[in-house]
Amino acid sequence: MVILKVASKEKEKEILKYKKEHNISSPILFEDDAAVATAYGVWNTPQTFFINREGKIVGRILKETDWTTKNMKDLIEYLLKEKK
């Protein structure tokens, strides 16, 4: 599983500072033209997409999320067990 964050290039400096302060290891794609955001229909943030092994969107969360809850852990485990 890969977690990729997408952010506006104009906020790169403050986002990198936040990433360092909170020891976030996942990669961040900074874009100038919002091509990825537009392709996925993102108009507000944060949003999370779950994309399966075939590249199909299988879920979407439209708000901040506590990734440490049992429900989120169960969801991630389920998605990781999806057949290849």
Protein backbone atom coordinates (compact mmCIF):
# COMPACT_ATOMS: atom_id res chain seq x y z
CA MET A 1 0.00 0.00 0.00
CA VAL A 2 1.21 3.48 -0.81
CA ILE A 3 -0.05 6.64 0.82
CA LEU A 4 0.56 9.69 -1.34
CA LYS A 5 -0.38 13.18 -0.31
CA VAL A 6 -1.08 15.83 -2.94
CA ALA A 7 -0.68 19.50 -2.12
CA SER A 8 -0.64 22.87 -3.76
CA LYS A 9 2.86 24.04 -4.72
CA GLU A 10 2.11 27.46 -3.18
CA LYS A 11 2.01 25.93 0.32
CA GLU A 12 5.09 23.72 -0.09
CA LYS A 13 7.25 25.44 2.55
CA GLU A 14 4.64 25.28 5.34
CA ILE A 15 3.63 21.72 4.45
CA LEU A 16 7.24 20.49 4.52
CA LYS A 17 7.66 22.15 7.92
CA TYR A 18 4.51 20.39 9.18
CA LYS A 19 5.73 17.07 7.73
CA LYS A 20 9.04 17.38 9.56
CA GLU A 21 7.45 18.48 12.87
CA HIS A 22 5.05 15.52 12.84
CA ASN A 23 7.51 12.94 11.51
CA ILE A 24 5.38 12.12 8.46
CA SER A 25 7.19 9.72 6.15
CA SER A 26 4.76 9.38 3.24
CA PRO A 27 5.62 11.22 0.01
CA ILE A 28 3.96 14.48 -1.01
CA LEU A 29 3.28 15.49 -4.59
CA PHE A 30 3.37 19.27 -4.96
CA GLU A 31 1.58 20.50 -8.07
CA ASP A 32 1.29 23.94 -9.63
CA ASP A 33 -1.66 23.35 -11.94
CA ALA A 34 -4.00 21.23 -9.76
CA ALA A 35 -4.09 18.53 -12.47
CA VAL A 36 -4.30 15.66 -9.97
CA ALA A 37 -6.89 17.46 -7.85
CA THR A 38 -8.98 18.19 -10.94
CA ALA A 39 -8.68 14.61 -12.21
CA TYR A 40 -10.06 13.28 -8.91
CA GLY A 41 -12.68 16.00 -8.43
CA VAL A 42 -11.04 17.49 -5.34
CA TRP A 43 -12.31 20.98 -4.52
CA ASN A 44 -11.66 21.06 -0.80
CA THR A 45 -9.17 19.37 1.47
CA PRO A 46 -8.35 17.10 3.10
CA GLN A 47 -9.72 14.20 1.09
CA THR A 48 -8.59 10.59 1.05
CA PHE A 49 -9.06 8.13 -1.79
CA PHE A 50 -8.69 4.37 -1.55
CA ILE A 51 -7.53 3.01 -4.90
CA ASN A 52 -7.34 -0.74 -5.40
CA ARG A 53 -4.63 -2.71 -7.20
CA GLU A 54 -6.40 -2.21 -10.54
CA GLY A 55 -6.44 1.57 -10.11
CA LYS A 56 -10.17 1.78 -9.34
CA ILE A 57 -11.39 4.15 -6.60
CA VAL A 58 -13.02 1.92 -3.98
CA GLY A 59 -13.56 4.50 -1.27
CA ARG A 60 -13.33 8.17 -0.41
CA ILE A 61 -13.23 10.20 2.79
CA LEU A 62 -14.14 13.89 2.52
CA LYS A 63 -12.81 15.18 5.87
CA GLU A 64 -10.00 14.90 8.39
CA THR A 65 -9.75 11.38 9.71
CA ASP A 66 -8.32 9.75 12.80
CA TRP A 67 -6.35 6.89 11.25
CA THR A 68 -5.79 5.26 14.65
CA THR A 69 -9.41 4.20 15.22
CA LYS A 70 -10.41 0.53 15.06
CA ASN A 71 -12.72 1.24 12.09
CA MET A 72 -9.90 2.80 10.05
CA LYS A 73 -7.46 0.03 10.94
CA ASP A 74 -10.07 -2.57 9.98
CA LEU A 75 -10.71 -0.81 6.66
CA ILE A 76 -7.01 -0.70 5.80
CA GLU A 77 -6.58 -4.37 6.74
CA TYR A 78 -9.55 -5.27 4.53
CA LEU A 79 -8.15 -3.35 1.58
CA LEU A 80 -4.72 -4.92 2.00
CA LYS A 81 -6.26 -8.42 1.96
CA GLU A 82 -8.03 -7.73 -1.34
CA LYS A 83 -7.20 -10.43 -3.86
CA LYS A 84 -4.48 -9.72 -6.39
